[in-house]
Protein backbone atom coordinates (compact mmCIF):
# COMPACT_ATOMS: atom_id res chain seq x y z
CA MET A 1 -23.13 98.52 -65.06
CA GLN A 2 -24.38 94.92 -65.27
CA ARG A 3 -22.79 94.08 -61.91
CA SER A 4 -24.24 97.04 -60.02
CA GLY A 5 -27.43 97.86 -61.90
CA ASP A 6 -26.42 101.55 -62.04
CA THR A 7 -26.76 102.64 -65.67
CA SER A 8 -26.27 106.39 -65.16
CA ARG A 9 -22.54 106.54 -65.99
CA TYR A 10 -22.99 104.22 -68.97
CA ARG A 11 -25.85 106.34 -70.32
CA ALA A 12 -23.73 109.50 -69.91
CA LEU A 13 -21.14 108.03 -72.31
CA SER A 14 -23.54 107.78 -75.23
CA THR A 15 -26.01 109.88 -77.17
CA LYS A 16 -28.54 108.74 -79.75
CA CYS A 17 -27.10 105.22 -79.57
CA GLU A 18 -30.07 102.87 -79.85
CA SER A 19 -28.17 99.68 -78.99
CA CYS A 20 -26.59 101.42 -75.97
CA ASP A 21 -30.00 102.56 -74.74
CA ASN A 22 -31.46 99.08 -75.27
CA LEU A 23 -28.70 97.49 -73.18
CA ALA A 24 -29.11 100.04 -70.38
CA ASP A 25 -32.90 99.61 -70.48
CA SER A 26 -32.47 95.83 -70.10
CA VAL A 27 -30.21 96.29 -67.08
CA ASP A 28 -32.69 98.77 -65.54
CA GLU A 29 -35.49 96.24 -66.08
CA ILE A 30 -33.53 93.37 -64.49
CA TYR A 31 -32.51 95.32 -61.40
CA GLY A 32 -35.82 97.19 -61.20
CA SER A 33 -37.62 93.86 -60.77
CA GLY A 34 -35.20 92.81 -58.01
CA GLY A 35 -33.01 90.63 -60.22
CA SER A 36 -29.26 90.77 -60.78
CA VAL A 37 -26.46 89.55 -63.04
CA ALA A 38 -23.57 87.41 -61.77
CA PHE A 39 -20.27 87.02 -63.64
CA ASP A 40 -17.59 84.33 -63.24
CA GLY A 41 -14.78 86.79 -63.91
CA THR A 42 -14.16 90.09 -65.63
CA GLN A 43 -14.91 91.27 -69.13
CA ARG A 44 -11.85 92.48 -70.99
CA ILE A 45 -11.12 94.11 -74.30
CA ARG A 46 -8.62 92.41 -76.56
CA SER A 47 -7.34 94.11 -79.72
CA LEU A 48 -8.82 97.61 -79.98
CA GLU A 49 -8.20 99.14 -83.42
CA LYS A 50 -9.20 102.41 -85.08
CA VAL A 51 -10.61 101.43 -88.46
CA GLY A 52 -11.87 104.70 -89.84
CA LYS A 53 -13.12 108.26 -89.50
CA VAL A 54 -16.15 110.02 -90.96
CA GLN A 55 -16.23 113.78 -90.27
CA ASP A 56 -16.10 114.12 -86.43
CA THR A 57 -16.74 110.41 -85.80
CA LEU A 58 -14.00 107.88 -85.08
CA ILE A 59 -14.76 104.21 -85.80
CA PHE A 60 -13.18 101.48 -83.67
CA GLU A 61 -13.40 97.69 -83.73
CA TYR A 62 -12.55 95.52 -80.76
CA GLU A 63 -12.87 92.03 -79.39
CA LEU A 64 -14.71 91.70 -76.08
CA VAL A 65 -13.93 88.60 -74.02
CA SER A 66 -16.71 87.84 -71.55
CA PRO A 67 -16.85 85.28 -68.74
CA GLU A 68 -19.81 83.00 -68.17
CA SER A 69 -22.67 84.94 -66.58
CA ARG A 70 -26.05 84.26 -65.02
CA LEU A 71 -29.26 86.25 -64.86
CA LEU A 72 -30.85 85.81 -61.43
CA ASP A 73 -34.42 86.65 -60.44
CA ALA A 74 -35.43 88.54 -57.28
CA SER A 75 -35.14 85.37 -55.15
CA GLY A 76 -31.64 84.65 -56.49
CA SER A 77 -32.79 81.72 -58.61
CA LEU A 78 -31.22 81.14 -62.01
CA GLU A 79 -33.37 82.63 -64.77
CA ARG A 80 -30.92 82.35 -67.66
CA GLN A 81 -27.28 81.39 -68.17
CA PHE A 82 -24.91 82.83 -70.78
CA GLU A 83 -21.82 81.01 -72.01
CA GLY A 84 -18.62 83.02 -71.89
CA GLY A 85 -16.59 83.71 -74.98
CA SER A 86 -15.45 86.44 -77.32
CA ALA A 87 -17.22 88.61 -79.86
CA ARG A 88 -16.17 91.47 -82.14
CA TYR A 89 -17.83 94.88 -81.97
CA GLN A 90 -17.70 98.17 -83.82
CA VAL A 91 -18.26 101.42 -81.97
CA ASN A 92 -18.56 104.95 -83.34
CA VAL A 93 -17.37 107.76 -81.10
CA THR A 94 -18.24 111.38 -81.92
CA ALA A 95 -16.76 114.61 -80.56
CA MET A 96 -19.48 116.61 -78.79
CA GLU A 97 -18.74 119.86 -77.00
CA ASP A 98 -15.68 119.03 -74.87
CA SER A 99 -16.07 115.23 -74.66
CA TRP A 100 -16.53 112.12 -76.78
CA ARG A 101 -19.80 110.16 -76.92
CA VAL A 102 -20.68 106.73 -78.30
CA THR A 103 -23.18 107.22 -81.12
CA SER A 104 -23.36 103.64 -82.38
CA ALA A 105 -22.32 100.21 -81.14
CA ILE A 106 -22.91 96.97 -83.02
CA ARG A 107 -21.83 93.36 -82.73
CA LEU A 108 -20.04 92.20 -85.87
CA ALA A 109 -20.65 88.87 -87.57
CA SER A 110 -18.23 86.16 -86.49
């Protein structure tokens, strides 16, 4: 999504997930103004673990390893740079009709 600017598939994976919507809105804003995001590699998930269940919602925690990335403006000039590294997240996934949707995603304290 951040590489292409197309948030439609990402948005289809979630419902009522405020942090998911905020991320997609940011990407839409960047690409809508002619900007882009450049990565020095690929994001990867390390250590995905199911940590709980509440009714129809499964709770997972995972570590996301991200490469260095840059936010570029419409002319291709550097607007902001982000250091690569890893962070832990928790995501709630809820059964809806005949699929699963992300209903919450948060970054955990280090």
